[in-house]
Amino acid sequence: MAFEKVCELDDIWEGEMEVFTHPGSGVEVLLINVEGEGIRAYQAMCPHQEIELVEGEFDGKVLTCKAHLWQFDAATGKGVNPNDCELARYPVKIEGEDVLVEVDGIEPKKAHT
């Protein structure tokens, strides 16, 4: 597979997050427009107990899962609390107004429960 369009830049403004389906694979991808950093793409489910991350809170820098308040640095996907976990990150490419994401070969991360 290759990079495929999942949305347009206008679909995800700075400080917002949204889930999109990668068209070639059907993988759910969480796009986050991190303040001052640009768009990042991560697995859509929390690695703790597979809760949809889009249902959590995003303050522009930190993503917090709604279930057990696990927190992730939105710019890197690394765990903040706890700090021994992380989100799988997918490569993102911007072409004109299109946001393209590559998911091939990247497995969602899972953590202790």
Protein backbone atom coordinates (compact mmCIF):
# COMPACT_ATOMS: atom_id res chain seq x y z
CA MET A 1 0.00 0.00 0.00
CA ALA A 2 0.94 3.62 -0.18
CA PHE A 3 -0.12 6.97 1.15
CA GLU A 4 -3.85 7.45 0.66
CA LYS A 5 -6.08 10.47 1.14
CA VAL A 6 -8.09 10.33 4.37
CA CYS A 7 -9.40 13.91 4.47
CA GLU A 8 -8.69 17.53 3.55
CA LEU A 9 -6.93 20.14 5.65
CA ASP A 10 -10.21 21.95 6.28
CA ASP A 11 -11.59 18.80 7.94
CA ILE A 12 -9.24 19.08 10.93
CA TRP A 13 -8.35 22.51 12.27
CA GLU A 14 -5.50 23.31 14.63
CA GLY A 15 -6.32 22.07 18.13
CA GLU A 16 -8.83 19.47 16.89
CA MET A 17 -8.86 15.69 16.54
CA GLU A 18 -11.05 13.39 14.48
CA VAL A 19 -11.16 9.76 13.35
CA PHE A 20 -11.02 8.88 9.66
CA THR A 21 -11.01 5.54 7.87
CA HIS A 22 -7.97 4.79 5.73
CA PRO A 23 -9.61 3.91 2.39
CA GLY A 24 -7.23 1.17 1.25
CA SER A 25 -7.13 -0.79 4.48
CA GLY A 26 -10.19 0.17 6.50
CA VAL A 27 -7.95 1.06 9.45
CA GLU A 28 -9.38 3.72 11.76
CA VAL A 29 -6.86 6.57 12.08
CA LEU A 30 -6.96 9.33 14.68
CA LEU A 31 -5.79 12.61 13.16
CA ILE A 32 -4.72 15.33 15.58
CA ASN A 33 -3.82 18.84 14.48
CA VAL A 34 -1.29 19.70 17.19
CA GLU A 35 -0.87 23.40 17.92
CA GLY A 36 2.34 24.60 16.30
CA GLU A 37 3.30 21.07 15.15
CA GLY A 38 0.85 20.17 12.39
CA ILE A 39 -1.13 17.02 11.73
CA ARG A 40 -0.22 13.72 13.37
CA ALA A 41 -1.84 10.32 12.72
CA TYR A 42 -2.16 7.65 15.41
CA GLN A 43 -4.04 4.47 16.18
CA ALA A 44 -7.62 5.35 17.02
CA MET A 45 -7.90 3.14 20.14
CA CYS A 46 -6.23 3.62 23.51
CA PRO A 47 -3.59 0.92 24.03
CA HIS A 48 -4.89 0.36 27.57
CA GLN A 49 -8.37 -1.05 27.01
CA GLU A 50 -9.15 -0.12 23.41
CA ILE A 51 -11.41 2.86 24.16
CA GLU A 52 -11.87 5.26 21.22
CA LEU A 53 -9.43 8.10 21.83
CA VAL A 54 -11.57 10.61 19.93
CA GLU A 55 -14.06 10.40 22.81
CA GLY A 56 -11.40 11.78 25.18
CA GLU A 57 -10.09 15.29 25.62
CA PHE A 58 -7.44 17.17 23.67
CA ASP A 59 -6.07 20.45 25.01
CA GLY A 60 -3.93 21.25 21.96
CA LYS A 61 -0.88 19.39 23.27
CA VAL A 62 -2.02 16.41 25.39
CA LEU A 63 -4.61 13.76 24.53
CA THR A 64 -6.45 12.22 27.49
CA CYS A 65 -8.44 8.97 27.19
CA LYS A 66 -11.90 9.24 28.72
CA ALA A 67 -11.89 5.85 30.43
CA HIS A 68 -8.91 5.81 32.79
CA LEU A 69 -7.39 9.23 31.99
CA TRP A 70 -4.28 7.87 30.32
CA GLN A 71 -2.47 10.79 28.67
CA PHE A 72 -0.37 11.01 25.52
CA ASP A 73 1.85 13.73 24.07
CA ALA A 74 -0.03 14.57 20.86
CA ALA A 75 3.17 15.60 19.04
CA THR A 76 4.96 12.27 19.61
CA GLY A 77 2.38 9.70 20.74
CA LYS A 78 4.49 8.91 23.82
CA GLY A 79 2.73 8.25 27.10
CA VAL A 80 2.69 11.08 29.63
CA ASN A 81 0.71 9.28 32.33
CA PRO A 82 1.68 6.49 32.48
CA ASN A 83 4.97 7.10 30.70
CA ASP A 84 5.65 3.47 29.73
CA CYS A 85 3.16 3.33 26.86
CA GLU A 86 2.73 4.92 23.44
CA LEU A 87 0.48 5.17 20.42
CA ALA A 88 1.33 3.68 17.04
CA ARG A 89 2.11 6.58 14.72
CA TYR A 90 1.35 6.58 11.01
CA PRO A 91 3.28 8.70 8.50
CA VAL A 92 1.40 11.75 7.21
CA LYS A 93 1.94 13.66 3.98
CA ILE A 94 0.20 16.86 2.90
CA GLU A 95 -0.34 17.36 -0.84
CA GLY A 96 -2.10 20.62 -1.62
CA GLU A 97 -5.24 20.48 0.54
CA ASP A 98 -5.20 16.67 0.88
CA VAL A 99 -4.07 14.80 4.01
CA LEU A 100 -2.56 11.44 3.11
CA VAL A 101 -1.72 8.68 5.58
CA GLU A 102 0.26 5.42 5.25
CA VAL A 103 -0.73 2.52 7.54
CA ASP A 104 0.93 -0.48 5.91
CA GLY A 105 3.08 -2.52 8.28
CA ILE A 106 2.24 -0.50 11.40
CA GLU A 107 0.38 -2.39 14.11
CA PRO A 108 -1.59 -0.68 16.89
CA LYS A 109 0.20 -0.78 20.25
CA LYS A 110 -1.22 -2.50 23.30
CA ALA A 111 -0.29 -1.94 26.92
CA HIS A 112 -0.83 -3.73 30.19
CA THR A 113 -4.44 -3.75 31.38
